[in-house]
Amino acid sequence: MEIGTDLVGRLAAAKRVAVLTGAGISAESGIPTFRGDDGLWRKFRPEQLATFPAFLSDLDLVWSWYQYRRRIIDTCQPNAGHLALVELEALVPEFSLATQNIDGLHRRAGSRAVDELHGAIDRNICIDCGAENEIEPATETEGTAPRCVRCGGLVRPDVVWFGEMLPEAVLVSAQQAAQNADVYLTVGTSGTVYPAADLPLIARESGAYTVEINPERTALSGQFH
């Protein structure tokens, strides 16, 4: 009870609140997590479907898998966790949300400023010219990997694959929010994927009151207030 009372008081007094979310916040919406009992990586190895070399070696397989994931996400809706963060955003002067999720549910829930650390599955990008969502409509829903209508280059999901760097501007924004936060919440993440897992540590070292919301202990649990 003391912890809850302390958190309520700190949130009420906070001028800057920052949040990091992971797959756990979307599980209630029906989106499978990556490392839980029904996690996606129990069915596929990451190097099979979530690396650039895998994409180049079997374009149609990787594209079909991401189209399958998009269809799952399209049927899902933001849950109470997403909506609570929208409400929290309206209650504090400065609010920042960084997510490891690519499902776009925070945006659909109404969160305004979202740093999507690992990209977004509802966007596609040409690997040659960088154009976004320039795909022939007829090929987007088929199992064949599409080409860019501008330059003819290969089109991939605009997500960060294993072995790739996070978008620099997005990561810097999330790091700055962690450094400036009065309260930092970490919700539904295993704390095993870096550099995202560094964010709550940056927040604590910078003086924030740090809170973990998760159904079980994680690799970072000992670092939170």
C-alpha atoms as a PDB file:
ATOM      1  CA  MET A   1       0.000   0.000   0.000  1.00  0.00           C
ATOM      2  CA  GLU A   2       2.870   2.366   0.811  1.00  0.00           C
ATOM      3  CA  ILE A   3       4.363   1.791  -2.640  1.00  0.00           C
ATOM      4  CA  GLY A   4       1.045   2.555  -4.340  1.00  0.00           C
ATOM      5  CA  THR A   5       0.487   5.660  -2.238  1.00  0.00           C
ATOM      6  CA  ASP A   6       4.016   6.871  -2.969  1.00  0.00           C
ATOM      7  CA  LEU A   7       3.546   6.337  -6.699  1.00  0.00           C
ATOM      8  CA  VAL A   8       0.234   8.206  -6.767  1.00  0.00           C
ATOM      9  CA  GLY A   9       1.815  11.121  -4.955  1.00  0.00           C
ATOM     10  CA  ARG A  10       4.817  11.217  -7.234  1.00  0.00           C
ATOM     11  CA  LEU A  11       2.652  11.057 -10.357  1.00  0.00           C
ATOM     12  CA  ALA A  12       0.462  13.857  -9.017  1.00  0.00           C
ATOM     13  CA  ALA A  13       3.520  16.041  -8.445  1.00  0.00           C
ATOM     14  CA  ALA A  14       5.392  15.074 -11.606  1.00  0.00           C
ATOM     15  CA  LYS A  15       5.917  17.577 -14.382  1.00  0.00           C
ATOM     16  CA  ARG A  16       7.617  15.066 -16.697  1.00  0.00           C
ATOM     17  CA  VAL A  17       6.548  11.418 -17.003  1.00  0.00           C
ATOM     18  CA  ALA A  18       8.128   8.967 -19.436  1.00  0.00           C
ATOM     19  CA  VAL A  19       7.082   5.407 -20.240  1.00  0.00           C
ATOM     20  CA  LEU A  20       8.664   2.402 -21.937  1.00  0.00           C
ATOM     21  CA  THR A  21       6.361  -0.387 -23.109  1.00  0.00           C
ATOM     22  CA  GLY A  22       7.019  -3.860 -24.465  1.00  0.00           C
ATOM     23  CA  ALA A  23       5.053  -6.756 -25.888  1.00  0.00           C
ATOM     24  CA  GLY A  24       3.305  -7.442 -22.584  1.00  0.00           C
ATOM     25  CA  ILE A  25       1.102  -4.371 -22.833  1.00  0.00           C
ATOM     26  CA  SER A  26      -0.366  -5.660 -26.097  1.00  0.00           C
ATOM     27  CA  ALA A  27      -0.890  -9.264 -24.968  1.00  0.00           C
ATOM     28  CA  GLU A  28      -4.368  -8.480 -23.620  1.00  0.00           C
ATOM     29  CA  SER A  29      -5.286  -7.177 -27.075  1.00  0.00           C
ATOM     30  CA  GLY A  30      -4.623 -10.645 -28.469  1.00  0.00           C
ATOM     31  CA  ILE A  31      -1.175 -10.026 -29.923  1.00  0.00           C
ATOM     32  CA  PRO A  32       1.232 -12.840 -28.962  1.00  0.00           C
ATOM     33  CA  THR A  33       4.362 -11.863 -27.068  1.00  0.00           C
ATOM     34  CA  PHE A  34       7.795 -12.864 -28.273  1.00  0.00           C
ATOM     35  CA  ARG A  35       9.137 -14.642 -25.221  1.00  0.00           C
ATOM     36  CA  GLY A  36       6.088 -15.878 -23.297  1.00  0.00           C
ATOM     37  CA  ASP A  37       4.711 -19.412 -23.314  1.00  0.00           C
ATOM     38  CA  ASP A  38       2.940 -18.708 -26.607  1.00  0.00           C
ATOM     39  CA  GLY A  39       5.629 -16.352 -27.894  1.00  0.00           C
ATOM     40  CA  LEU A  40       6.336 -16.015 -31.596  1.00  0.00           C
ATOM     41  CA  TRP A  41       9.970 -17.005 -31.182  1.00  0.00           C
ATOM     42  CA  ARG A  42       8.922 -20.432 -29.877  1.00  0.00           C
ATOM     43  CA  LYS A  43       7.573 -21.156 -33.359  1.00  0.00           C
ATOM     44  CA  PHE A  44      10.299 -19.515 -35.465  1.00  0.00           C
ATOM     45  CA  ARG A  45      13.944 -18.727 -34.909  1.00  0.00           C
ATOM     46  CA  PRO A  46      14.654 -14.988 -35.205  1.00  0.00           C
ATOM     47  CA  GLU A  47      17.307 -15.599 -37.844  1.00  0.00           C
ATOM     48  CA  GLN A  48      14.685 -17.320 -40.022  1.00  0.00           C
ATOM     49  CA  LEU A  49      12.352 -14.368 -40.343  1.00  0.00           C
ATOM     50  CA  ALA A  50      13.674 -11.213 -38.682  1.00  0.00           C
ATOM     51  CA  THR A  51      17.040 -10.460 -40.222  1.00  0.00           C
ATOM     52  CA  PHE A  52      17.991  -8.712 -43.424  1.00  0.00           C
ATOM     53  CA  PRO A  53      19.911 -11.750 -44.770  1.00  0.00           C
ATOM     54  CA  ALA A  54      16.814 -13.894 -44.138  1.00  0.00           C
ATOM     55  CA  PHE A  55      14.724 -11.411 -46.092  1.00  0.00           C
ATOM     56  CA  LEU A  56      17.087 -11.495 -49.056  1.00  0.00           C
ATOM     57  CA  SER A  57      17.345 -15.271 -49.011  1.00  0.00           C
ATOM     58  CA  ASP A  58      13.582 -15.915 -49.002  1.00  0.00           C
ATOM     59  CA  LEU A  59      11.652 -12.766 -49.871  1.00  0.00           C
ATOM     60  CA  ASP A  60       8.260 -14.397 -50.208  1.00  0.00           C
ATOM     61  CA  LEU A  61       8.483 -16.320 -46.920  1.00  0.00           C
ATOM     62  CA  VAL A  62       9.412 -13.258 -44.867  1.00  0.00           C
ATOM     63  CA  TRP A  63       6.845 -11.053 -46.598  1.00  0.00           C
ATOM     64  CA  SER A  64       4.101 -13.652 -46.119  1.00  0.00           C
ATOM     65  CA  TRP A  65       4.924 -13.950 -42.414  1.00  0.00           C
ATOM     66  CA  TYR A  66       4.709 -10.194 -41.905  1.00  0.00           C
ATOM     67  CA  GLN A  67       1.435 -10.056 -43.828  1.00  0.00           C
ATOM     68  CA  TYR A  68       0.133 -12.784 -41.499  1.00  0.00           C
ATOM     69  CA  ARG A  69       1.188 -10.716 -38.478  1.00  0.00           C
ATOM     70  CA  ARG A  70      -0.473  -7.620 -39.953  1.00  0.00           C
ATOM     71  CA  ARG A  71      -3.741  -9.487 -40.342  1.00  0.00           C
ATOM     72  CA  ILE A  72      -3.596 -10.494 -36.662  1.00  0.00           C
ATOM     73  CA  ILE A  73      -2.877  -6.931 -35.574  1.00  0.00           C
ATOM     74  CA  ASP A  74      -5.632  -5.506 -37.779  1.00  0.00           C
ATOM     75  CA  THR A  75      -8.199  -7.538 -35.819  1.00  0.00           C
ATOM     76  CA  CYS A  76      -6.886  -6.337 -32.441  1.00  0.00           C
ATOM     77  CA  GLN A  77      -7.877  -3.234 -30.527  1.00  0.00           C
ATOM     78  CA  PRO A  78      -6.061  -1.132 -27.910  1.00  0.00           C
ATOM     79  CA  ASN A  79      -6.754  -2.372 -24.397  1.00  0.00           C
ATOM     80  CA  ALA A  80      -7.113  -0.695 -21.004  1.00  0.00           C
ATOM     81  CA  GLY A  81      -3.341  -0.381 -20.651  1.00  0.00           C
ATOM     82  CA  HIS A  82      -3.012   1.606 -23.870  1.00  0.00           C
ATOM     83  CA  LEU A  83      -5.972   3.789 -22.936  1.00  0.00           C
ATOM     84  CA  ALA A  84      -4.631   4.431 -19.418  1.00  0.00           C
ATOM     85  CA  LEU A  85      -1.459   5.861 -20.924  1.00  0.00           C
ATOM     86  CA  VAL A  86      -3.543   8.152 -23.131  1.00  0.00           C
ATOM     87  CA  GLU A  87      -5.289   9.412 -19.989  1.00  0.00           C
ATOM     88  CA  LEU A  88      -1.973   9.848 -18.177  1.00  0.00           C
ATOM     89  CA  GLU A  89      -0.622  11.872 -21.092  1.00  0.00           C
ATOM     90  CA  ALA A  90      -3.471  14.340 -20.593  1.00  0.00           C
ATOM     91  CA  LEU A  91      -2.712  14.750 -16.876  1.00  0.00           C
ATOM     92  CA  VAL A  92       0.960  15.750 -16.887  1.00  0.00           C
ATOM     93  CA  PRO A  93       2.653  18.781 -18.479  1.00  0.00           C
ATOM     94  CA  GLU A  94       5.259  16.704 -20.339  1.00  0.00           C
ATOM     95  CA  PHE A  95       4.685  13.094 -21.336  1.00  0.00           C
ATOM     96  CA  SER A  96       6.806  10.802 -23.463  1.00  0.00           C
ATOM     97  CA  LEU A  97       6.095   7.255 -24.598  1.00  0.00           C
ATOM     98  CA  ALA A  98       8.704   4.914 -26.073  1.00  0.00           C
ATOM     99  CA  THR A  99       7.624   1.477 -27.234  1.00  0.00           C
ATOM    100  CA  GLN A 100       9.412  -1.625 -28.418  1.00  0.00           C
ATOM    101  CA  ASN A 101       6.175  -2.735 -30.087  1.00  0.00           C
ATOM    102  CA  ILE A 102       5.614  -2.483 -33.807  1.00  0.00           C
ATOM    103  CA  ASP A 103       1.832  -2.987 -33.626  1.00  0.00           C
ATOM    104  CA  GLY A 104       0.821   0.693 -33.694  1.00  0.00           C
ATOM    105  CA  LEU A 105      -1.761   0.211 -30.921  1.00  0.00           C
ATOM    106  CA  HIS A 106      -0.501   3.196 -28.926  1.00  0.00           C
ATOM    107  CA  ARG A 107      -1.165   5.467 -31.898  1.00  0.00           C
ATOM    108  CA  ARG A 108      -4.559   3.881 -32.480  1.00  0.00           C
ATOM    109  CA  ALA A 109      -5.426   4.388 -28.808  1.00  0.00           C
ATOM    110  CA  GLY A 110      -4.734   8.108 -29.131  1.00  0.00           C
ATOM    111  CA  SER A 111      -1.213   8.590 -27.773  1.00  0.00           C
ATOM    112  CA  ARG A 112       0.201  11.619 -29.555  1.00  0.00           C
ATOM    113  CA  ALA A 113       3.998  11.488 -29.256  1.00  0.00           C
ATOM    114  CA  VAL A 114       5.212   7.897 -29.572  1.00  0.00           C
ATOM    115  CA  ASP A 115       8.819   6.891 -30.144  1.00  0.00           C
ATOM    116  CA  GLU A 116       8.496   3.570 -31.986  1.00  0.00           C
ATOM    117  CA  LEU A 117      11.950   2.195 -31.227  1.00  0.00           C
ATOM    118  CA  HIS A 118      11.616  -0.872 -33.426  1.00  0.00           C
ATOM    119  CA  GLY A 119       9.561   0.670 -36.222  1.00  0.00           C
ATOM    120  CA  ALA A 120       5.964  -0.002 -37.223  1.00  0.00           C
ATOM    121  CA  ILE A 121       4.510  -2.984 -39.029  1.00  0.00           C
ATOM    122  CA  ASP A 122       1.871  -0.845 -40.768  1.00  0.00           C
ATOM    123  CA  ARG A 123       4.604   0.941 -42.728  1.00  0.00           C
ATOM    124  CA  ASN A 124       6.713  -0.377 -45.586  1.00  0.00           C
ATOM    125  CA  ILE A 125       9.903   1.086 -46.964  1.00  0.00           C
ATOM    126  CA  CYS A 126      11.900   0.662 -50.167  1.00  0.00           C
ATOM    127  CA  ILE A 127      15.433  -0.564 -49.468  1.00  0.00           C
ATOM    128  CA  ASP A 128      16.768   1.379 -52.476  1.00  0.00           C
ATOM    129  CA  CYS A 129      15.142   4.835 -52.499  1.00  0.00           C
ATOM    130  CA  GLY A 130      13.661   4.928 -48.987  1.00  0.00           C
ATOM    131  CA  ALA A 131      10.119   5.697 -50.150  1.00  0.00           C
ATOM    132  CA  GLU A 132       7.416   4.760 -47.637  1.00  0.00           C
ATOM    133  CA  ASN A 133       4.333   2.749 -48.599  1.00  0.00           C
ATOM    134  CA  GLU A 134       4.923   3.089 -52.345  1.00  0.00           C
ATOM    135  CA  ILE A 135       3.602  -0.359 -53.239  1.00  0.00           C
ATOM    136  CA  GLU A 136       1.371  -1.506 -56.042  1.00  0.00           C
ATOM    137  CA  PRO A 137      -1.967  -2.226 -54.299  1.00  0.00           C
ATOM    138  CA  ALA A 138      -2.388  -5.544 -56.061  1.00  0.00           C
ATOM    139  CA  THR A 139       0.825  -6.983 -54.599  1.00  0.00           C
ATOM    140  CA  GLU A 140       0.522  -5.712 -51.036  1.00  0.00           C
ATOM    141  CA  THR A 141      -1.914  -8.421 -49.963  1.00  0.00           C
ATOM    142  CA  GLU A 142      -0.357 -11.280 -51.916  1.00  0.00           C
ATOM    143  CA  GLY A 143       2.318 -13.642 -50.686  1.00  0.00           C
ATOM    144  CA  THR A 144       4.854 -12.301 -53.174  1.00  0.00           C
ATOM    145  CA  ALA A 145       7.262  -9.645 -51.912  1.00  0.00           C
ATOM    146  CA  PRO A 146       6.335  -6.362 -53.644  1.00  0.00           C
ATOM    147  CA  ARG A 147       8.409  -3.795 -55.471  1.00  0.00           C
ATOM    148  CA  CYS A 148       8.526  -0.029 -55.094  1.00  0.00           C
ATOM    149  CA  VAL A 149       6.380   1.842 -57.628  1.00  0.00           C
ATOM    150  CA  ARG A 150       8.920   4.686 -57.726  1.00  0.00           C
ATOM    151  CA  CYS A 151      12.169   2.859 -58.439  1.00  0.00           C
ATOM    152  CA  GLY A 152      11.366  -0.866 -58.673  1.00  0.00           C
ATOM    153  CA  GLY A 153      13.418  -1.673 -55.576  1.00  0.00           C
ATOM    154  CA  LEU A 154      12.560  -4.303 -52.995  1.00  0.00           C
ATOM    155  CA  VAL A 155      10.079  -3.269 -50.327  1.00  0.00           C
ATOM    156  CA  ARG A 156      10.427  -4.460 -46.713  1.00  0.00           C
ATOM    157  CA  PRO A 157       8.450  -3.889 -43.531  1.00  0.00           C
ATOM    158  CA  ASP A 158       9.618  -0.691 -41.785  1.00  0.00           C
ATOM    159  CA  VAL A 159      10.716  -2.546 -38.666  1.00  0.00           C
ATOM    160  CA  VAL A 160      14.075  -3.031 -36.985  1.00  0.00           C
ATOM    161  CA  TRP A 161      15.403  -6.519 -37.544  1.00  0.00           C
ATOM    162  CA  PHE A 162      18.003  -8.322 -35.452  1.00  0.00           C
ATOM    163  CA  GLY A 163      21.461  -6.989 -36.192  1.00  0.00           C
ATOM    164  CA  GLU A 164      20.157  -3.569 -37.280  1.00  0.00           C
ATOM    165  CA  MET A 165      20.552  -0.225 -35.534  1.00  0.00           C
ATOM    166  CA  LEU A 166      17.554   1.589 -34.077  1.00  0.00           C
ATOM    167  CA  PRO A 167      16.574   4.830 -35.833  1.00  0.00           C
ATOM    168  CA  GLU A 168      18.960   7.371 -34.309  1.00  0.00           C
ATOM    169  CA  ALA A 169      16.495  10.232 -33.936  1.00  0.00           C
ATOM    170  CA  VAL A 170      13.917   7.985 -32.255  1.00  0.00           C
ATOM    171  CA  LEU A 171      16.462   6.535 -29.826  1.00  0.00           C
ATOM    172  CA  VAL A 172      17.871   9.965 -28.922  1.00  0.00           C
ATOM    173  CA  SER A 173      14.352  11.234 -28.247  1.00  0.00           C
ATOM    174  CA  ALA A 174      13.650   8.308 -25.921  1.00  0.00           C
ATOM    175  CA  GLN A 175      16.979   8.728 -24.128  1.00  0.00           C
ATOM    176  CA  GLN A 176      16.371  12.427 -23.561  1.00  0.00           C
ATOM    177  CA  ALA A 177      12.926  11.695 -22.159  1.00  0.00           C
ATOM    178  CA  ALA A 178      14.464   9.179 -19.738  1.00  0.00           C
ATOM    179  CA  GLN A 179      17.070  11.697 -18.631  1.00  0.00           C
ATOM    180  CA  ASN A 180      14.461  14.394 -17.975  1.00  0.00           C
ATOM    181  CA  ALA A 181      11.713  12.299 -16.358  1.00  0.00           C
ATOM    182  CA  ASP A 182      10.469  12.805 -12.806  1.00  0.00           C
ATOM    183  CA  VAL A 183       8.689   9.426 -12.971  1.00  0.00           C
ATOM    184  CA  TYR A 184       9.599   6.617 -15.350  1.00  0.00           C
ATOM    185  CA  LEU A 185       7.256   3.665 -15.942  1.00  0.00           C
ATOM    186  CA  THR A 186       8.303   0.423 -17.607  1.00  0.00           C
ATOM    187  CA  VAL A 187       5.324  -1.675 -18.694  1.00  0.00           C
ATOM    188  CA  GLY A 188       5.243  -5.222 -20.066  1.00  0.00           C
ATOM    189  CA  THR A 189       8.832  -5.629 -21.181  1.00  0.00           C
ATOM    190  CA  SER A 190      11.275  -8.405 -20.357  1.00  0.00           C
ATOM    191  CA  GLY A 191      14.211  -6.021 -20.013  1.00  0.00           C
ATOM    192  CA  THR A 192      16.427  -8.201 -22.194  1.00  0.00           C
ATOM    193  CA  VAL A 193      16.501  -6.236 -25.459  1.00  0.00           C
ATOM    194  CA  TYR A 194      19.002  -3.414 -25.705  1.00  0.00           C
ATOM    195  CA  PRO A 195      19.341  -0.493 -26.091  1.00  0.00           C
ATOM    196  CA  ALA A 196      15.701  -0.151 -24.985  1.00  0.00           C
ATOM    197  CA  ALA A 197      16.498  -1.903 -21.696  1.00  0.00           C
ATOM    198  CA  ASP A 198      18.976   0.877 -20.893  1.00  0.00           C
ATOM    199  CA  LEU A 199      16.232   3.523 -20.790  1.00  0.00           C
ATOM    200  CA  PRO A 200      14.901   2.855 -17.255  1.00  0.00           C
ATOM    201  CA  LEU A 201      18.499   2.697 -16.011  1.00  0.00           C
ATOM    202  CA  ILE A 202      19.211   6.081 -17.591  1.00  0.00           C
ATOM    203  CA  ALA A 203      16.084   7.424 -15.896  1.00  0.00           C
ATOM    204  CA  ARG A 204      17.073   6.158 -12.461  1.00  0.00           C
ATOM    205  CA  GLU A 205      20.637   7.422 -12.768  1.00  0.00           C
ATOM    206  CA  SER A 206      19.198  10.811 -13.732  1.00  0.00           C
ATOM    207  CA  GLY A 207      17.054  10.975 -10.593  1.00  0.00           C
ATOM    208  CA  ALA A 208      13.670   9.664 -11.747  1.00  0.00           C
ATOM    209  CA  TYR A 209      11.366   7.564  -9.585  1.00  0.00           C
ATOM    210  CA  THR A 210      11.273   4.292 -11.535  1.00  0.00           C
ATOM    211  CA  VAL A 211       8.427   1.788 -11.586  1.00  0.00           C
ATOM    212  CA  GLU A 212       8.072  -1.611 -13.243  1.00  0.00           C
ATOM    213  CA  ILE A 213       4.634  -2.970 -14.139  1.00  0.00           C
ATOM    214  CA  ASN A 214       4.854  -6.636 -15.083  1.00  0.00           C
ATOM    215  CA  PRO A 215       3.223  -9.927 -13.984  1.00  0.00           C
ATOM    216  CA  GLU A 216       6.601 -11.471 -13.179  1.00  0.00           C
ATOM    217  CA  ARG A 217      10.103 -10.375 -12.278  1.00  0.00           C
ATOM    218  CA  THR A 218      12.438  -9.447 -15.116  1.00  0.00           C
ATOM    219  CA  ALA A 219      16.150  -8.994 -15.654  1.00  0.00           C
ATOM    220  CA  LEU A 220      15.786  -5.363 -14.529  1.00  0.00           C
ATOM    221  CA  SER A 221      13.434  -5.737 -11.567  1.00  0.00           C
ATOM    222  CA  GLY A 222      16.127  -5.033  -8.996  1.00  0.00           C
ATOM    223  CA  GLN A 223      16.809  -1.636 -10.551  1.00  0.00           C
ATOM    224  CA  PHE A 224      13.370  -0.126  -9.878  1.00  0.00           C
ATOM    225  CA  HIS A 225      12.095   1.792  -6.879  1.00  0.00           C
END
